[in-house]
Protein backbone atom coordinates (compact mmCIF):
# COMPACT_ATOMS: atom_id res chain seq x y z
CA MET A 1 5.01 -24.01 18.00
CA GLY A 2 1.15 -23.12 18.79
CA GLU A 3 2.00 -19.08 18.40
CA ASN A 4 3.20 -20.01 14.84
CA MET A 5 1.12 -21.79 13.64
CA ASP A 6 -1.60 -19.45 15.21
CA GLY A 7 -0.55 -16.82 12.84
CA ILE A 8 -0.34 -19.55 9.69
CA VAL A 9 -3.88 -20.51 10.49
CA GLU A 10 -5.26 -17.13 10.34
CA VAL A 11 -3.81 -16.11 7.67
CA PHE A 12 -5.44 -19.00 5.74
CA ARG A 13 -8.44 -18.28 7.27
CA ARG A 14 -8.39 -14.81 5.53
CA PHE A 15 -7.49 -16.04 2.48
CA LYS A 16 -10.31 -18.65 2.41
CA SER A 17 -12.99 -16.36 0.71
CA TYR A 18 -10.54 -15.53 -2.16
CA TYR A 19 -9.89 -19.27 -2.40
CA LYS A 20 -13.51 -19.90 -3.00
CA GLU A 21 -13.35 -17.76 -6.27
CA TYR A 22 -10.28 -19.82 -7.75
CA ILE A 23 -12.02 -23.42 -7.30
CA PRO A 24 -11.00 -24.83 -11.09
CA GLN A 25 -7.58 -23.14 -10.70
CA PHE A 26 -7.19 -24.93 -7.61
CA ALA A 27 -8.47 -27.84 -9.20
CA ILE A 28 -6.01 -28.90 -11.61
CA SER A 29 -3.09 -27.44 -9.91
CA ILE A 30 -3.88 -30.01 -6.77
CA ILE A 31 -4.42 -32.54 -9.93
CA GLY A 32 -0.84 -31.48 -10.65
CA MET A 33 0.63 -31.71 -7.56
CA ILE A 34 -0.62 -35.36 -6.76
CA MET A 35 0.44 -36.71 -10.63
CA ALA A 36 3.96 -35.10 -9.29
CA SER A 37 4.02 -36.89 -6.49
CA VAL A 38 2.58 -40.13 -6.89
CA GLY A 39 5.72 -40.01 -10.14
CA THR A 40 7.91 -39.43 -7.26
CA ALA A 41 6.52 -42.39 -4.98
CA VAL A 42 6.43 -44.15 -7.92
CA SER A 43 9.93 -44.06 -9.06
CA ALA A 44 11.48 -44.95 -5.86
CA TRP A 45 9.04 -48.26 -5.82
CA LEU A 46 10.45 -48.95 -9.51
CA VAL A 47 13.58 -49.69 -7.64
CA LYS A 48 12.89 -53.02 -6.51
CA PRO A 49 11.35 -54.48 -9.57
CA VAL A 50 14.53 -52.97 -11.04
CA LEU A 51 16.91 -54.96 -8.96
CA ASP A 52 15.79 -58.11 -7.87
CA TYR A 53 14.11 -58.95 -11.54
CA ILE A 54 16.16 -57.47 -13.88
CA PHE A 55 19.71 -57.14 -12.42
CA ILE A 56 19.29 -60.54 -9.65
CA GLN A 57 16.55 -62.89 -11.61
CA LYS A 58 17.75 -61.30 -15.11
CA ASP A 59 13.86 -61.17 -16.27
CA GLU A 60 14.74 -59.71 -19.80
CA ASN A 61 11.03 -58.53 -20.90
CA LEU A 62 10.62 -56.47 -17.75
CA LEU A 63 14.42 -55.25 -19.06
CA TYR A 64 12.58 -53.60 -22.27
CA LEU A 65 8.92 -52.84 -20.54
CA LEU A 66 10.74 -51.19 -17.19
CA PRO A 67 12.12 -48.42 -18.77
CA TYR A 68 9.35 -47.24 -21.04
CA ALA A 69 7.94 -47.24 -17.33
CA ILE A 70 10.12 -44.83 -16.10
CA ILE A 71 9.86 -42.33 -19.08
CA ALA A 72 5.81 -42.51 -18.87
CA ILE A 73 6.03 -42.20 -15.01
CA TYR A 74 8.36 -38.74 -15.30
CA PHE A 75 6.62 -37.64 -17.78
CA LEU A 76 3.88 -37.40 -15.91
CA LYS A 77 5.21 -36.00 -13.14
CA SER A 78 7.08 -33.54 -15.47
CA LEU A 79 3.36 -32.68 -16.43
CA GLY A 80 2.03 -32.45 -12.90
CA ILE A 81 4.94 -30.13 -11.83
CA TYR A 82 3.97 -27.75 -14.83
CA LEU A 83 0.22 -27.85 -13.78
CA GLN A 84 0.65 -26.81 -10.45
CA VAL A 85 3.24 -24.15 -11.39
CA TYR A 86 0.91 -22.75 -14.21
CA PHE A 87 -1.82 -22.85 -11.85
CA THR A 88 -0.73 -21.78 -8.70
CA ALA A 89 1.26 -18.60 -10.42
CA TYR A 90 -2.10 -17.29 -11.77
CA ILE A 91 -3.84 -17.99 -8.59
CA GLY A 92 -1.67 -16.20 -6.69
CA GLN A 93 -0.63 -13.15 -9.94
CA ASP A 94 -4.27 -12.49 -10.14
CA MET A 95 -5.13 -12.75 -6.43
CA VAL A 96 -1.92 -9.66 -5.86
CA ARG A 97 -3.65 -7.66 -8.42
CA ARG A 98 -7.17 -8.01 -6.43
CA PHE A 99 -5.33 -7.09 -2.89
CA ARG A 100 -3.22 -4.30 -4.60
CA HIS A 101 -6.84 -2.72 -5.17
CA LYS A 102 -8.66 -3.58 -2.41
CA GLN A 103 -5.99 -2.38 0.03
CA LEU A 104 -5.60 1.13 -2.47
CA ASP A 105 -9.60 1.61 -2.88
CA ASN A 106 -9.70 1.04 1.51
CA ILE A 107 -6.95 3.37 1.94
CA LEU A 108 -7.75 6.53 -0.35
CA SER A 109 -11.70 5.70 2.10
CA LEU A 110 -9.66 6.94 5.47
CA ASP A 111 -9.33 9.93 6.52
CA MET A 112 -6.92 12.96 6.27
CA SER A 113 -5.57 11.95 9.83
CA PHE A 114 -4.63 8.45 8.45
CA PHE A 115 -2.52 9.86 5.77
CA HIS A 116 -0.80 12.06 8.56
CA LYS A 117 -0.24 9.24 10.64
CA TYR A 118 1.14 7.01 8.16
CA ARG A 119 4.28 8.25 5.60
CA SER A 120 3.64 7.93 1.78
CA GLY A 121 6.93 5.94 1.30
CA GLU A 122 5.54 3.16 3.96
CA LEU A 123 2.16 2.77 2.27
CA MET A 124 3.85 2.25 -1.09
CA SER A 125 5.76 -0.34 0.40
CA ARG A 126 2.98 -1.86 2.15
CA ILE A 127 0.66 -1.94 -0.91
CA MET A 128 4.02 -3.40 -2.95
CA GLY A 129 6.56 -4.76 -1.03
CA ASP A 130 3.68 -6.47 1.40
CA ILE A 131 1.33 -7.61 -1.04
CA GLU A 132 4.21 -9.12 -3.21
CA ARG A 133 4.46 -11.26 0.01
CA ILE A 134 1.29 -12.56 0.28
CA ARG A 135 1.90 -13.82 -3.88
CA SER A 136 5.02 -15.91 -2.52
CA ILE A 137 2.39 -17.68 -0.01
CA VAL A 138 -0.41 -18.32 -2.74
CA SER A 139 1.61 -19.17 -6.03
CA ASN A 140 4.92 -20.48 -4.18
CA LEU A 141 4.50 -21.88 -0.53
CA ILE A 142 1.45 -23.24 -0.13
CA PRO A 143 1.64 -25.33 -3.38
CA GLU A 144 4.91 -26.38 -2.51
CA LEU A 145 3.88 -27.32 1.43
CA VAL A 146 1.00 -29.61 -0.13
CA ARG A 147 3.01 -30.89 -3.04
CA GLU A 148 5.71 -31.88 -0.18
CA PHE A 149 2.97 -33.32 1.95
CA VAL A 150 1.53 -35.62 -0.39
CA THR A 151 4.65 -36.50 -1.35
CA ILE A 152 5.58 -37.54 1.96
CA ILE A 153 2.72 -39.39 2.41
CA GLY A 154 3.60 -41.56 -0.74
CA LEU A 155 6.93 -42.01 0.18
CA LEU A 156 5.88 -43.15 3.37
CA CYS A 157 3.46 -45.49 1.91
CA VAL A 158 6.43 -47.25 0.32
CA VAL A 159 8.80 -47.07 3.17
CA ILE A 160 6.02 -48.92 5.54
CA TYR A 161 4.98 -51.30 2.64
CA GLN A 162 9.09 -52.21 1.93
CA SER A 163 9.55 -52.86 5.82
CA PRO A 164 7.35 -51.47 8.64
CA THR A 165 10.54 -52.26 11.49
CA LEU A 166 12.79 -50.13 9.41
CA ALA A 167 10.26 -47.70 8.56
CA LEU A 168 10.06 -46.97 12.80
CA PHE A 169 13.73 -46.92 13.39
CA SER A 170 14.54 -44.78 10.37
CA LEU A 171 11.62 -42.31 11.31
CA ILE A 172 12.02 -42.26 14.86
CA VAL A 173 14.78 -39.49 15.32
CA LEU A 174 12.28 -36.60 13.26
CA PRO A 175 10.09 -35.84 16.18
CA ALA A 176 13.58 -34.49 17.85
CA ALA A 177 13.34 -31.55 15.06
CA PHE A 178 9.84 -30.02 16.49
CA TYR A 179 11.02 -27.68 18.95
CA PRO A 180 14.24 -26.54 17.26
CA LEU A 181 12.20 -25.64 14.26
CA SER A 182 9.87 -24.03 16.18
CA ARG A 183 11.79 -21.40 17.96
CA LEU A 184 13.58 -20.95 14.53
CA ALA A 185 10.44 -20.17 13.29
CA LYS A 186 9.80 -17.89 15.71
CA LYS A 187 12.79 -16.09 15.90
CA MET A 188 12.19 -16.04 12.20
CA ARG A 189 8.77 -14.33 12.27
CA LYS A 190 10.11 -11.72 14.89
CA LEU A 191 13.34 -11.11 12.08
CA SER A 192 10.60 -10.68 9.39
CA ARG A 193 8.26 -8.26 10.60
CA THR A 194 11.35 -5.58 11.83
CA SER A 195 12.65 -6.17 8.26
CA GLN A 196 9.53 -5.35 6.67
CA GLU A 197 9.13 -2.15 8.53
CA THR A 198 12.92 -1.25 7.76
CA SER A 199 12.15 -1.62 4.17
CA SER A 200 9.02 0.99 4.75
CA ASP A 201 11.81 3.12 6.51
CA ILE A 202 14.30 3.06 3.64
CA THR A 203 11.24 3.61 1.13
CA SER A 204 10.12 6.27 2.92
CA VAL A 205 13.47 7.87 3.39
CA LEU A 206 13.86 7.66 -1.18
CA SER A 207 10.46 9.03 -1.57
CA GLU A 208 11.27 12.25 0.43
CA ILE A 209 14.61 12.68 -1.17
CA PHE A 210 13.13 12.19 -4.38
CA ALA A 211 10.14 14.72 -3.68
CA ASN A 212 12.53 17.48 -2.72
CA ILE A 213 15.51 17.00 -4.75
CA GLU A 214 15.26 20.28 -5.51
CA ILE A 215 16.13 21.59 -1.61
CA VAL A 216 18.18 18.62 -1.50
CA LYS A 217 20.64 19.91 -3.89
CA ALA A 218 20.13 23.43 -3.41
CA ASN A 219 21.46 22.90 0.24
CA SER A 220 24.28 20.51 -1.05
CA ALA A 221 22.66 18.58 1.01
CA GLN A 222 23.35 15.12 -1.18
CA GLU A 223 25.54 13.38 1.78
CA LYS A 224 23.11 14.02 4.60
CA GLU A 225 20.42 12.45 2.75
CA LEU A 226 22.86 9.51 1.34
CA ASN A 227 23.91 8.62 5.41
CA LYS A 228 20.67 8.64 6.43
CA PHE A 229 19.85 6.11 3.83
CA ASP A 230 23.13 4.37 4.56
CA THR A 231 21.75 3.95 8.40
CA GLN A 232 18.46 2.24 6.82
CA ASN A 233 20.08 0.61 4.33
CA ASP A 234 22.91 -1.00 6.59
CA LYS A 235 19.72 -1.98 9.07
CA ILE A 236 18.29 -3.83 6.44
CA PHE A 237 21.66 -5.80 5.76
CA LYS A 238 22.03 -6.77 9.06
CA LEU A 239 18.71 -7.95 9.49
CA ASN A 240 18.48 -10.05 6.33
CA LEU A 241 22.11 -11.34 7.05
CA LYS A 242 20.10 -12.64 10.38
CA SER A 243 17.51 -13.95 8.74
CA VAL A 244 19.40 -16.01 6.42
CA LYS A 245 21.49 -17.10 9.20
CA VAL A 246 18.30 -18.04 11.12
CA ASN A 247 17.35 -19.89 7.99
CA ALA A 248 20.41 -21.38 6.92
CA LEU A 249 20.45 -23.66 10.42
CA VAL A 250 17.64 -25.56 9.05
CA SER A 251 19.01 -27.43 6.45
CA PRO A 252 22.24 -28.70 8.36
CA MET A 253 19.97 -29.74 11.54
CA MET A 254 17.49 -31.81 9.24
CA GLU A 255 20.73 -33.26 7.16
CA THR A 256 22.08 -34.33 10.70
CA LEU A 257 18.56 -35.81 12.04
CA GLY A 258 18.13 -37.43 8.27
CA SER A 259 22.09 -38.89 8.82
CA VAL A 260 21.34 -41.03 12.16
CA GLY A 261 18.00 -42.10 10.98
CA ILE A 262 19.79 -43.50 7.57
CA ALA A 263 22.83 -44.73 9.81
CA VAL A 264 20.11 -47.03 11.78
CA THR A 265 18.61 -48.23 8.38
CA ILE A 266 21.63 -49.04 7.19
CA ILE A 267 22.82 -51.15 9.92
CA ILE A 268 19.14 -53.42 10.70
CA GLY A 269 18.64 -53.37 7.05
CA GLY A 270 21.64 -55.10 6.00
CA GLN A 271 21.36 -57.38 8.91
CA GLN A 272 18.05 -57.85 7.53
CA VAL A 273 19.48 -58.51 4.06
CA ILE A 274 22.13 -60.74 5.42
CA ASN A 275 19.70 -63.03 7.56
CA GLY A 276 17.51 -63.49 4.15
CA GLU A 277 14.47 -61.35 6.01
CA ILE A 278 14.20 -58.75 3.02
CA THR A 279 15.65 -58.80 -0.51
CA VAL A 280 18.14 -56.71 -1.75
CA GLY A 281 15.89 -55.15 -4.41
CA SER A 282 13.24 -54.08 -1.13
CA PHE A 283 16.41 -52.73 1.14
CA PHE A 284 17.20 -50.37 -1.87
CA SER A 285 13.51 -49.32 -2.37
CA PHE A 286 12.99 -48.69 0.69
CA LEU A 287 16.64 -46.76 1.40
CA THR A 288 15.84 -44.73 -1.99
CA ALA A 289 12.59 -43.97 -0.72
CA LEU A 290 14.04 -43.06 2.67
CA PHE A 291 16.75 -40.78 1.08
CA MET A 292 13.89 -38.89 -0.82
CA LEU A 293 11.55 -38.82 1.70
CA TYR A 294 14.37 -36.26 3.54
CA THR A 295 14.31 -34.03 1.07
CA PRO A 296 10.38 -33.09 1.16
CA ILE A 297 10.55 -33.45 4.68
CA LYS A 298 13.41 -30.65 4.78
CA ARG A 299 11.79 -28.57 2.32
CA ILE A 300 8.29 -28.58 4.45
CA THR A 301 10.64 -27.02 7.17
CA ASN A 302 12.29 -24.92 4.95
CA ILE A 303 8.71 -23.67 3.56
CA TYR A 304 7.74 -23.25 7.60
CA ASN A 305 10.45 -21.01 8.28
CA GLN A 306 10.01 -19.02 5.22
CA MET A 307 6.18 -18.42 5.66
CA GLN A 308 6.80 -16.58 8.71
CA ASP A 309 7.71 -13.89 6.47
CA ALA A 310 4.79 -14.12 4.46
CA VAL A 311 2.55 -14.45 7.44
CA VAL A 312 3.95 -11.12 8.73
CA ALA A 313 3.40 -9.30 5.56
CA SER A 314 -0.84 -10.85 5.31
CA GLN A 315 -0.94 -9.44 9.16
CA ARG A 316 0.60 -5.95 8.16
CA THR A 317 -1.84 -6.10 5.23
CA PHE A 318 -4.67 -6.76 6.75
CA GLU A 319 -4.33 -4.81 9.60
CA LEU A 320 -4.46 -2.02 6.43
CA LEU A 321 -7.41 -3.89 5.46
CA ASP A 322 -9.36 -3.73 8.11
CA MET A 323 -9.22 -0.35 8.58
CA SER A 324 -12.54 2.45 7.95
CA PRO A 325 -12.90 5.66 8.34
CA SER A 326 -14.30 7.67 10.77
CA ILE A 327 -16.00 10.62 8.86
CA VAL A 328 -19.21 8.27 7.54
CA ASP A 329 -20.86 9.40 4.31
CA ARG A 330 -24.31 9.87 4.47
CA ASN A 331 -27.72 9.67 1.90
CA LEU A 332 -28.61 13.18 1.36
CA ASN A 333 -27.68 15.08 -1.77
CA PHE A 334 -26.15 18.55 -1.89
CA PRO A 335 -28.37 21.47 -2.40
CA ASN A 336 -29.17 22.96 -6.10
CA VAL A 337 -28.62 25.71 -4.99
CA VAL A 338 -26.60 27.24 -1.95
CA ASN A 339 -27.98 30.34 -0.28
CA SER A 340 -25.94 30.09 3.04
CA ILE A 341 -23.34 28.83 5.22
CA THR A 342 -23.55 28.95 9.20
CA ILE A 343 -21.06 27.73 11.24
CA GLN A 344 -22.10 27.64 14.75
CA ASP A 345 -19.67 27.65 17.71
CA LEU A 346 -16.99 25.29 15.94
CA LYS A 347 -14.15 23.65 18.13
CA PHE A 348 -11.53 21.23 16.68
CA SER A 349 -8.35 20.17 18.01
CA TYR A 350 -5.21 18.29 16.81
CA GLY A 351 -4.32 15.77 19.43
CA ASP A 352 -3.97 18.03 22.57
CA LYS A 353 -3.29 21.25 20.06
CA ILE A 354 -6.81 23.20 19.96
CA ALA A 355 -6.94 24.74 16.54
CA LEU A 356 -10.16 25.83 16.34
CA ASN A 357 -12.13 27.16 19.85
CA GLY A 358 -15.59 28.23 19.07
CA ILE A 359 -16.01 29.71 15.47
CA ASN A 360 -19.49 31.44 14.56
CA LEU A 361 -19.77 33.05 11.29
CA LYS A 362 -22.65 33.28 8.95
CA VAL A 363 -21.75 33.97 4.80
CA TYR A 364 -24.77 34.51 2.34
CA LYS A 365 -24.75 33.76 -1.69
CA GLY A 366 -22.94 36.49 -3.25
CA GLN A 367 -20.67 36.91 -0.65
CA MET A 368 -16.36 36.59 -0.84
CA ILE A 369 -15.00 36.22 2.84
CA ALA A 370 -11.48 37.00 3.62
CA LEU A 371 -9.99 34.96 6.27
CA VAL A 372 -6.75 36.62 7.37
CA GLY A 373 -4.95 36.12 10.78
CA SER A 374 -1.02 34.45 11.38
CA SER A 375 -0.28 31.43 10.69
CA GLY A 376 -1.42 28.62 13.20
CA GLY A 377 -4.00 30.60 14.04
CA GLY A 378 -6.99 28.44 12.64
CA LYS A 379 -7.65 29.83 9.35
CA SER A 380 -6.94 25.89 6.95
CA THR A 381 -8.31 23.90 9.71
CA LEU A 382 -11.38 25.80 9.30
CA ILE A 383 -11.38 24.98 5.69
CA ASN A 384 -10.47 21.17 6.45
CA LEU A 385 -13.58 20.99 8.32
CA LEU A 386 -15.92 22.70 5.41
CA MET A 387 -14.18 19.98 3.09
CA ARG A 388 -14.76 16.95 5.70
CA PHE A 389 -11.38 16.15 5.47
CA TYR A 390 -11.83 16.16 9.52
CA ASP A 391 -15.49 16.73 11.25
CA PRO A 392 -15.37 18.70 14.12
CA ASP A 393 -14.68 18.01 18.23
CA SER A 394 -18.14 20.28 19.01
CA GLY A 395 -20.21 22.62 16.98
CA ILE A 396 -21.31 22.02 13.26
CA ILE A 397 -21.47 23.46 9.59
CA LEU A 398 -24.69 23.88 7.80
CA ILE A 399 -25.12 24.43 4.59
CA ASN A 400 -28.37 25.97 4.24
CA GLU A 401 -30.38 24.31 6.64
CA ASN A 402 -28.30 21.00 6.82
CA ASP A 403 -25.59 19.93 8.46
CA ILE A 404 -22.92 18.98 6.48
CA SER A 405 -22.62 15.58 7.84
CA GLU A 406 -25.65 14.35 6.64
CA PHE A 407 -24.42 15.13 3.04
CA LYS A 408 -22.58 12.59 0.57
CA ILE A 409 -19.15 13.39 0.83
CA ASP A 410 -18.34 13.48 -2.86
CA ASN A 411 -21.38 14.90 -3.21
CA LEU A 412 -20.15 17.70 -0.98
CA ARG A 413 -16.68 17.90 -2.03
CA GLN A 414 -17.85 18.11 -5.92
CA ASN A 415 -19.39 21.43 -5.03
CA ILE A 416 -16.80 23.16 -3.37
CA GLY A 417 -13.58 24.19 -5.81
CA LEU A 418 -10.28 23.96 -3.41
CA VAL A 419 -7.18 25.71 -4.76
CA THR A 420 -4.69 25.45 -1.97
CA GLN A 421 -1.16 27.27 -1.89
CA ARG A 422 0.72 23.63 -1.83
CA VAL A 423 0.23 23.21 -5.67
CA TYR A 424 -0.94 19.13 -7.31
CA ILE A 425 0.02 18.48 -11.03
CA PHE A 426 0.05 15.02 -11.90
CA ASN A 427 2.51 13.68 -14.69
CA ASP A 428 -0.51 13.97 -17.74
CA THR A 429 -1.81 16.62 -19.74
CA VAL A 430 -2.94 19.57 -19.29
CA ALA A 431 -6.67 18.96 -20.11
CA ALA A 432 -6.27 16.13 -17.73
CA ASN A 433 -5.37 18.38 -14.85
CA VAL A 434 -7.86 20.84 -15.36
CA ALA A 435 -10.43 18.43 -15.92
CA TYR A 436 -9.32 15.92 -13.42
CA GLY A 437 -12.02 13.90 -11.34
CA ALA A 438 -14.54 14.82 -14.08
CA LEU A 439 -15.07 13.67 -17.84
CA LEU A 440 -13.49 16.08 -20.13
CA ASP A 441 -14.78 18.97 -22.23
CA GLU A 442 -12.51 20.90 -24.38
CA ALA A 443 -14.95 23.70 -24.26
CA LYS A 444 -14.79 23.46 -20.31
CA VAL A 445 -11.80 23.27 -20.18
CA ILE A 446 -10.56 26.13 -22.40
CA LYS A 447 -13.09 28.28 -20.70
CA ALA A 448 -11.74 27.40 -17.10
CA LEU A 449 -8.08 27.82 -18.12
CA LYS A 450 -8.95 31.94 -19.78
CA MET A 451 -11.05 32.30 -16.44
CA ALA A 452 -7.64 31.43 -14.21
CA ASN A 453 -5.84 33.90 -16.76
CA ALA A 454 -3.80 30.74 -18.11
CA TRP A 455 -4.66 30.27 -21.76
CA SER A 456 -2.20 32.89 -22.81
CA PHE A 457 0.24 30.47 -22.01
CA VAL A 458 -1.29 27.29 -22.50
CA GLN A 459 -2.38 27.79 -26.39
CA ASN A 460 1.14 28.68 -26.88
CA MET A 461 2.13 25.15 -26.07
CA GLN A 462 3.22 22.58 -28.14
CA ASN A 463 0.46 20.38 -28.26
CA GLY A 464 -1.95 22.87 -26.47
CA ILE A 465 -4.03 21.79 -23.67
CA TYR A 466 -2.92 18.13 -24.80
CA THR A 467 0.77 19.11 -23.86
CA GLN A 468 2.19 16.72 -21.32
CA LEU A 469 2.96 17.96 -17.89
CA ASN A 470 6.08 16.04 -16.11
CA GLU A 471 5.51 15.19 -12.40
CA TYR A 472 4.90 17.81 -10.11
CA GLY A 473 4.64 20.33 -13.01
CA ALA A 474 8.43 20.79 -13.11
CA ASN A 475 8.13 22.23 -17.06
CA LEU A 476 6.16 24.73 -15.62
CA SER A 477 7.03 28.00 -13.38
CA GLY A 478 5.25 28.36 -9.86
CA GLY A 479 2.66 30.85 -11.36
CA GLN A 480 1.80 28.70 -14.26
CA ARG A 481 1.24 25.91 -12.10
CA GLN A 482 -0.72 27.37 -9.47
CA ARG A 483 -3.05 29.14 -12.70
CA ILE A 484 -3.64 25.41 -13.74
CA ALA A 485 -4.92 24.41 -10.26
CA ILE A 486 -7.27 27.36 -10.14
CA ALA A 487 -8.46 26.45 -13.53
CA ARG A 488 -8.75 23.16 -12.05
CA ALA A 489 -11.28 24.67 -9.00
CA LEU A 490 -12.82 26.56 -11.77
CA TYR A 491 -13.71 23.64 -14.29
CA HIS A 492 -16.63 21.72 -12.02
CA ASP A 493 -18.56 25.22 -11.62
CA PRO A 494 -18.44 24.62 -7.38
CA GLN A 495 -21.16 26.70 -5.83
CA ILE A 496 -18.24 27.22 -3.18
CA LEU A 497 -15.03 28.40 -4.16
CA ILE A 498 -12.02 28.28 -1.72
CA PHE A 499 -8.62 29.88 -2.23
CA ASP A 500 -5.84 29.12 0.43
CA GLU A 501 -2.97 31.48 -0.19
CA ALA A 502 -4.38 30.47 -4.19
CA THR A 503 -2.08 33.32 -5.76
CA SER A 504 1.01 33.70 -3.50
CA ALA A 505 2.94 32.33 -5.99
CA LEU A 506 1.75 34.64 -9.16
CA ASP A 507 3.04 38.33 -10.18
CA ASN A 508 1.54 41.35 -9.30
CA GLU A 509 -0.17 41.57 -12.91
CA SER A 510 -1.33 37.73 -12.72
CA GLU A 511 -2.68 38.10 -9.31
CA GLN A 512 -4.66 41.63 -10.47
CA GLU A 513 -6.55 38.96 -12.96
CA ILE A 514 -7.21 36.24 -10.51
CA THR A 515 -8.35 38.63 -8.40
CA LYS A 516 -10.57 40.18 -11.15
CA ALA A 517 -12.20 36.63 -12.21
CA ILE A 518 -13.06 35.56 -8.29
CA GLU A 519 -14.82 38.97 -7.91
CA ASN A 520 -16.63 38.21 -11.21
CA LEU A 521 -17.53 34.91 -9.58
CA SER A 522 -18.86 36.45 -6.86
CA SER A 523 -22.29 36.80 -7.74
CA ASP A 524 -23.62 33.56 -7.20
CA LYS A 525 -20.85 31.74 -5.51
CA ILE A 526 -19.60 31.82 -2.07
CA ILE A 527 -15.99 32.45 -1.91
CA PHE A 528 -13.61 32.18 0.97
CA VAL A 529 -10.43 33.89 0.61
CA ILE A 530 -7.11 33.09 3.03
CA ALA A 531 -4.41 35.15 2.45
CA HIS A 532 -1.44 36.77 4.25
CA ARG A 533 -1.36 39.53 1.67
CA LEU A 534 -3.99 41.66 2.19
CA SER A 535 -4.09 43.65 -1.18
CA THR A 536 -6.06 40.31 -2.61
CA ILE A 537 -8.60 40.66 -0.27
CA LYS A 538 -9.52 44.11 -0.70
CA ASN A 539 -12.40 43.90 -2.27
CA ALA A 540 -14.05 41.23 0.01
CA ASP A 541 -17.37 41.85 1.39
CA LYS A 542 -16.33 40.70 4.87
CA ILE A 543 -13.25 40.15 6.34
CA ALA A 544 -12.69 37.73 9.42
CA VAL A 545 -9.62 38.19 11.47
CA ILE A 546 -9.31 34.36 13.29
CA SER A 547 -6.68 34.43 16.25
CA SER A 548 -5.96 31.80 18.59
CA GLY A 549 -9.05 29.35 16.97
CA LYS A 550 -11.28 32.24 17.51
CA ILE A 551 -13.04 35.17 15.44
CA ALA A 552 -11.03 38.73 16.98
CA GLY A 553 -12.64 40.29 14.37
CA PHE A 554 -15.07 40.30 11.54
CA GLY A 555 -16.17 43.24 9.26
CA THR A 556 -15.50 45.64 6.22
CA ASP A 557 -11.49 46.58 5.46
CA LYS A 558 -12.47 49.71 7.01
CA GLU A 559 -14.04 48.62 9.92
CA LEU A 560 -11.20 46.40 10.93
CA GLU A 561 -9.27 49.17 10.55
CA SER A 562 -10.42 51.13 13.21
CA GLU A 563 -12.20 48.18 15.71
CA CYS A 564 -9.50 45.69 15.64
CA GLU A 565 -6.03 45.56 17.17
CA ILE A 566 -4.48 42.66 15.20
CA TYR A 567 -6.12 43.70 12.17
CA LYS A 568 -4.08 46.82 12.28
CA LYS A 569 -0.81 44.87 13.23
CA LEU A 570 -1.59 42.62 9.61
CA LYS A 571 -1.92 45.33 8.16
CA LEU A 572 1.06 47.57 9.01
CA VAL A 573 3.09 44.19 8.91
CA THR A 574 1.75 43.98 5.12
CA ILE A 575 2.59 47.58 4.42
CA GLU A 576 6.27 46.63 5.72
CA GLN A 577 6.76 44.03 3.59
CA ASN A 578 5.43 46.03 0.20
CA GLU A 579 8.23 48.54 0.50
CA THR A 580 10.94 46.17 1.39
CA LYS A 581 9.72 44.66 -1.98
CA ASN A 582 9.56 47.91 -3.71
CA SER A 583 13.27 48.86 -2.49
CA ILE A 584 14.41 45.99 -3.80
């Protein structure tokens, strides 16, 4: 019982700061609980005057008075229940709203390594499912727990008032329930954690299926994905069935123990009535209160078991809320003019895998630097460090003469335009996608679209720049999606531009247009271009050949062709690919 209570107490402690903000609502709901509980206790006490004064003593005055009292009591009880339900629901719903906001706000602040560790489906499950379970604590379980506890106190007062002796005999069986209840609660908590983790798994499976539906259908893999889903679905089914089995034991156990107490009460109480020690009204008032008392006690045990599920969800939620980013924001403003970027002895590893192993590079304003090399050589890792998605294990990146770790992160990223091979299109208008993260300016949107060679197709759309794009840009071609992404990078007029395989989905003509646009921009910016197709970087000022986390060669196309064996091989592969393409 102690371990289970510790978890519940810890959840209450974490909620304490939130509760303070809802004092008026809590006050009204507590008044409602008291009204409901007092109404229940008084309705049990009324059995005595009804039996003793109306049915036995035949008091006609009370006959016409007590029914009105009963109506008034049940009206107050019903009003109390309404007040409690409404205001606790308000607190719960509002707290869930705030929790979801705070949860996502904190998650968005975490490092990229966090998003590689947690699947998107699991995060969605935690934000939606786990926090909904927290609402059940605030809106249902805690108010019910308090209400039933107050009801128990009220009914206990009636029971003890009518006959302390009978109360002792009838309630002595209750302590016997503590041990099995604590065992059931422990089992329930274990099942709840496993169930919630499995729910995250099934959400992840669904998210993966829907995100890759084209590949699923193209490979006729519907059956494979359905089987994968069924595996998780069956796990949830079995876990939920186990939870039902554990929960279902609570009520029969309390019923059995309660029947023992009631049986003892009838024997001893009946003897006292026969002997004239208590009146019939007192005995039936006692018996009514006792019957009513077992109901809230049974509910409390059920609530206690249900709380294990909510406690686990709360712990999982607070686990994410307590995480903090390792990439720390600083106060230095980004310079108005970037004159140079200096990379000194940069090293970085993904766990045991070395990605960069001593990169040294200096780039000046007005230069376009191409990064080439085989996959896994470290090109994208270098860009990720420049964006401060990660911090290096050692070495530094300087913008002008300042370490990039000293800049405000948002300020840094606003001045870097990034276009990746993986294109991100949001379910919004073309204009909103281009101006993403900044105020929308029509003139700037159109200018960016023209520079990205996208204006020709956008202006012919039904609503122009206000045409709604489908999720993932499903109503665009691959090349169109990529040009929208390029326009987005150009919209912010950043001082540094990064094109990571940005023209890979474009036809030759569009690629040439984008390449010209990039060259036109290079006069007052620093541009990095990552490309496997060397035709896209033939006009770069310098080319850095990156292999095994190091710079294997640095120079112009002609210089590298004569001095760098790796570059020669890359160029040879490119020529062979072009010949194959042309023959097709």
